[in-house]
Amino acid sequence: MGSYSIGEAINLLLEQSKWKPKVIEVRMRDEWEQIAGKTISRYTRNIYMKDRVLTIYTDVAPLKQELLVGKQQLINNINEYFKEKVVEEIVVK
């Protein structure tokens, strides 16, 4: 058995325990303003992620439209932020 750094050991634990999607969802909620920007963050009520599908809740119709049009760019930004493919699809409600 090789030796691991603490970070590597934690990542290995997350991968093997299947906790990683929940950890990513919690991080995304906490860091949503840095990921999506101030405007989107201010007008989104909640975000929820399951099976690499991110659901964004907002009551602002123009923002819904903007998110739908810029969906692929937001997916790219999120995946770049996490340095791995964590989101494959976005649903706006």
Protein backbone atom coordinates (compact mmCIF):
# COMPACT_ATOMS: atom_id res chain seq x y z
CA MET A 1 0.00 0.00 0.00
CA GLY A 2 1.38 3.38 -0.99
CA SER A 3 1.32 6.53 1.04
CA TYR A 4 -1.19 9.28 0.28
CA SER A 5 -1.37 12.93 1.16
CA ILE A 6 -4.36 13.97 3.26
CA GLY A 7 -6.01 15.53 0.20
CA GLU A 8 -5.52 12.38 -1.86
CA ALA A 9 -6.87 10.22 0.96
CA ILE A 10 -9.97 12.41 1.30
CA ASN A 11 -10.58 12.32 -2.48
CA LEU A 12 -10.18 8.55 -2.46
CA LEU A 13 -12.64 8.25 0.43
CA LEU A 14 -15.18 10.46 -1.36
CA GLU A 15 -14.90 8.45 -4.57
CA GLN A 16 -15.24 5.09 -2.86
CA SER A 17 -18.03 6.12 -0.49
CA LYS A 18 -20.16 7.86 -3.16
CA TRP A 19 -20.34 11.00 -0.99
CA LYS A 20 -18.71 13.09 -3.68
CA PRO A 21 -21.92 14.19 -5.51
CA LYS A 22 -23.39 15.49 -2.24
CA VAL A 23 -20.14 17.26 -1.33
CA ILE A 24 -20.10 18.90 -4.77
CA GLU A 25 -23.72 20.00 -4.36
CA VAL A 26 -22.98 21.56 -0.96
CA ARG A 27 -19.88 23.30 -2.34
CA MET A 28 -21.89 24.56 -5.31
CA ARG A 29 -24.52 26.08 -3.01
CA ASP A 30 -21.86 27.69 -0.81
CA GLU A 31 -19.83 29.01 -3.76
CA TRP A 32 -22.71 29.74 -6.16
CA GLU A 33 -21.93 33.47 -6.41
CA GLN A 34 -18.32 32.77 -7.43
CA ILE A 35 -19.47 30.14 -9.94
CA ALA A 36 -22.45 31.85 -11.55
CA GLY A 37 -21.82 35.53 -10.79
CA LYS A 38 -23.55 38.07 -8.56
CA THR A 39 -26.60 38.69 -10.74
CA ILE A 40 -27.54 35.06 -11.24
CA SER A 41 -26.77 34.29 -7.61
CA ARG A 42 -28.93 37.14 -6.35
CA TYR A 43 -32.01 36.02 -8.27
CA THR A 44 -31.84 32.26 -7.85
CA ARG A 45 -33.82 30.81 -4.94
CA ASN A 46 -32.18 27.43 -4.72
CA ILE A 47 -30.06 24.95 -6.62
CA TYR A 48 -30.24 21.19 -6.44
CA MET A 49 -28.11 18.55 -8.12
CA LYS A 50 -28.81 14.88 -8.76
CA ASP A 51 -27.16 12.51 -11.23
CA ARG A 52 -25.15 15.35 -12.83
CA VAL A 53 -28.34 17.34 -13.53
CA LEU A 54 -28.37 20.78 -11.92
CA THR A 55 -31.81 22.24 -11.21
CA ILE A 56 -31.90 26.00 -10.71
CA TYR A 57 -34.94 27.66 -9.16
CA THR A 58 -35.76 31.30 -9.92
CA ASP A 59 -38.90 33.44 -10.00
CA VAL A 60 -37.43 35.95 -12.48
CA ALA A 61 -38.69 35.21 -16.01
CA PRO A 62 -35.90 37.08 -17.86
CA LEU A 63 -33.29 35.17 -15.84
CA LYS A 64 -34.98 31.88 -16.71
CA GLN A 65 -34.69 32.77 -20.38
CA GLU A 66 -31.06 33.88 -20.00
CA LEU A 67 -30.17 30.65 -18.20
CA LEU A 68 -31.84 28.56 -20.89
CA VAL A 69 -30.01 30.39 -23.67
CA GLY A 70 -26.66 30.31 -21.86
CA LYS A 71 -27.09 26.81 -20.43
CA GLN A 72 -24.06 25.27 -22.15
CA GLN A 73 -21.80 28.15 -21.13
CA LEU A 74 -22.89 27.79 -17.50
CA ILE A 75 -22.27 24.03 -17.66
CA ASN A 76 -18.79 24.73 -19.01
CA ASN A 77 -18.13 27.33 -16.27
CA ILE A 78 -19.23 24.94 -13.51
CA ASN A 79 -17.16 22.05 -14.83
CA GLU A 80 -14.15 24.33 -15.24
CA TYR A 81 -14.61 25.65 -11.69
CA PHE A 82 -14.58 22.11 -10.26
CA LYS A 83 -11.89 20.96 -12.74
CA GLU A 84 -13.97 17.90 -13.65
CA LYS A 85 -17.28 17.07 -15.31
CA VAL A 86 -19.80 17.47 -12.49
CA VAL A 87 -22.78 18.81 -14.48
CA GLU A 88 -24.10 17.41 -17.76
CA GLU A 89 -27.49 19.12 -17.91
CA ILE A 90 -29.26 22.14 -16.41
CA VAL A 91 -32.98 22.41 -15.71
CA VAL A 92 -34.45 25.83 -14.90
CA LYS A 93 -37.65 26.04 -12.85
